[in-house]
């Protein structure tokens, strides 16, 4: 599970002031988000794989159930 509290407060504006603050490290939430982007992507991919596995399992259970009901 990813602790998303450190991403709260990301800036919603853009422009030179935004980048000036980000560069100076005054926007820690944005810096955390940029730094952790690869980790967040890996978590999304892991969860997608898990969902696919669960979908396959549910299809298998449903097919087995249908076969028993038909008999």
C-alpha atoms as a PDB file:
ATOM      1  CA  UNK A   1       0.000   0.000   0.000  1.00  0.00           C
ATOM      2  CA  UNK A   2       1.299   3.434  -0.901  1.00  0.00           C
ATOM      3  CA  UNK A   3       1.200   6.240   1.661  1.00  0.00           C
ATOM      4  CA  UNK A   4      -0.399   9.064  -0.329  1.00  0.00           C
ATOM      5  CA  UNK A   5      -0.282  11.622   2.479  1.00  0.00           C
ATOM      6  CA  UNK A   6       3.097  12.881   1.304  1.00  0.00           C
ATOM      7  CA  UNK A   7       1.544  13.909  -2.029  1.00  0.00           C
ATOM      8  CA  UNK A   8      -1.108  16.161  -0.509  1.00  0.00           C
ATOM      9  CA  UNK A   9      -0.626  19.801  -1.358  1.00  0.00           C
ATOM     10  CA  UNK A  10       0.670  19.411  -4.885  1.00  0.00           C
ATOM     11  CA  UNK A  11       0.480  22.651  -6.783  1.00  0.00           C
ATOM     12  CA  UNK A  12      -2.337  23.123  -9.243  1.00  0.00           C
ATOM     13  CA  UNK A  13      -0.892  26.190 -11.001  1.00  0.00           C
ATOM     14  CA  UNK A  14       1.771  26.419 -13.662  1.00  0.00           C
ATOM     15  CA  UNK A  15       4.169  29.097 -14.764  1.00  0.00           C
ATOM     16  CA  UNK A  16       7.514  30.511 -13.734  1.00  0.00           C
ATOM     17  CA  UNK A  17       6.545  30.954 -10.077  1.00  0.00           C
ATOM     18  CA  UNK A  18       5.556  27.300  -9.901  1.00  0.00           C
ATOM     19  CA  UNK A  19       8.849  26.072 -11.294  1.00  0.00           C
ATOM     20  CA  UNK A  20      10.833  28.538  -9.195  1.00  0.00           C
ATOM     21  CA  UNK A  21       9.264  27.157  -6.016  1.00  0.00           C
ATOM     22  CA  UNK A  22       9.657  23.578  -7.180  1.00  0.00           C
ATOM     23  CA  UNK A  23      13.308  24.098  -8.042  1.00  0.00           C
ATOM     24  CA  UNK A  24      13.993  25.702  -4.671  1.00  0.00           C
ATOM     25  CA  UNK A  25      12.417  22.687  -2.978  1.00  0.00           C
ATOM     26  CA  UNK A  26       9.527  24.637  -1.526  1.00  0.00           C
ATOM     27  CA  UNK A  27       6.953  22.323  -2.990  1.00  0.00           C
ATOM     28  CA  UNK A  28       7.874  19.080  -1.293  1.00  0.00           C
ATOM     29  CA  UNK A  29       4.655  17.295  -2.286  1.00  0.00           C
ATOM     30  CA  UNK A  30       5.373  17.757  -6.003  1.00  0.00           C
ATOM     31  CA  UNK A  31       8.980  16.695  -5.524  1.00  0.00           C
ATOM     32  CA  UNK A  32       7.801  13.536  -3.741  1.00  0.00           C
ATOM     33  CA  UNK A  33       5.335  12.781  -6.518  1.00  0.00           C
ATOM     34  CA  UNK A  34       7.936  13.199  -9.265  1.00  0.00           C
ATOM     35  CA  UNK A  35      10.490  11.139  -7.348  1.00  0.00           C
ATOM     36  CA  UNK A  36       8.039   8.296  -6.666  1.00  0.00           C
ATOM     37  CA  UNK A  37       6.476   8.162 -10.154  1.00  0.00           C
ATOM     38  CA  UNK A  38       8.307   4.928 -11.124  1.00  0.00           C
ATOM     39  CA  UNK A  39       7.194   3.285  -7.869  1.00  0.00           C
ATOM     40  CA  UNK A  40       3.606   4.366  -8.439  1.00  0.00           C
ATOM     41  CA  UNK A  41       3.664   2.970 -11.972  1.00  0.00           C
ATOM     42  CA  UNK A  42       5.062  -0.338 -10.706  1.00  0.00           C
ATOM     43  CA  UNK A  43       2.253  -0.516  -8.130  1.00  0.00           C
ATOM     44  CA  UNK A  44      -0.373   0.104 -10.815  1.00  0.00           C
ATOM     45  CA  UNK A  45       1.114  -2.657 -12.974  1.00  0.00           C
ATOM     46  CA  UNK A  46       1.202  -5.044  -9.999  1.00  0.00           C
ATOM     47  CA  UNK A  47      -2.432  -4.337  -9.214  1.00  0.00           C
ATOM     48  CA  UNK A  48      -3.451  -4.826 -12.857  1.00  0.00           C
ATOM     49  CA  UNK A  49      -1.795  -8.244 -12.842  1.00  0.00           C
ATOM     50  CA  UNK A  50      -3.606  -9.127  -9.643  1.00  0.00           C
ATOM     51  CA  UNK A  51      -6.950  -8.046 -11.088  1.00  0.00           C
ATOM     52  CA  UNK A  52      -6.306 -10.145 -14.200  1.00  0.00           C
ATOM     53  CA  UNK A  53      -5.517 -13.166 -12.023  1.00  0.00           C
ATOM     54  CA  UNK A  54      -8.690 -12.680 -10.001  1.00  0.00           C
ATOM     55  CA  UNK A  55     -10.759 -12.276 -13.171  1.00  0.00           C
ATOM     56  CA  UNK A  56      -9.374 -15.572 -14.503  1.00  0.00           C
ATOM     57  CA  UNK A  57     -10.154 -17.279 -11.212  1.00  0.00           C
ATOM     58  CA  UNK A  58     -13.702 -15.930 -11.191  1.00  0.00           C
ATOM     59  CA  UNK A  59     -14.253 -17.127 -14.786  1.00  0.00           C
ATOM     60  CA  UNK A  60     -13.008 -20.585 -13.807  1.00  0.00           C
ATOM     61  CA  UNK A  61     -15.336 -20.691 -10.786  1.00  0.00           C
ATOM     62  CA  UNK A  62     -18.282 -19.483 -12.879  1.00  0.00           C
ATOM     63  CA  UNK A  63     -17.672 -22.142 -15.546  1.00  0.00           C
ATOM     64  CA  UNK A  64     -17.406 -24.859 -12.907  1.00  0.00           C
ATOM     65  CA  UNK A  65     -20.604 -23.625 -11.271  1.00  0.00           C
ATOM     66  CA  UNK A  66     -22.479 -23.566 -14.600  1.00  0.00           C
ATOM     67  CA  UNK A  67     -21.390 -27.144 -15.345  1.00  0.00           C
ATOM     68  CA  UNK A  68     -22.725 -28.339 -11.973  1.00  0.00           C
ATOM     69  CA  UNK A  69     -26.023 -26.485 -12.388  1.00  0.00           C
ATOM     70  CA  UNK A  70     -26.584 -27.884 -15.887  1.00  0.00           C
ATOM     71  CA  UNK A  71     -25.991 -31.485 -14.748  1.00  0.00           C
END
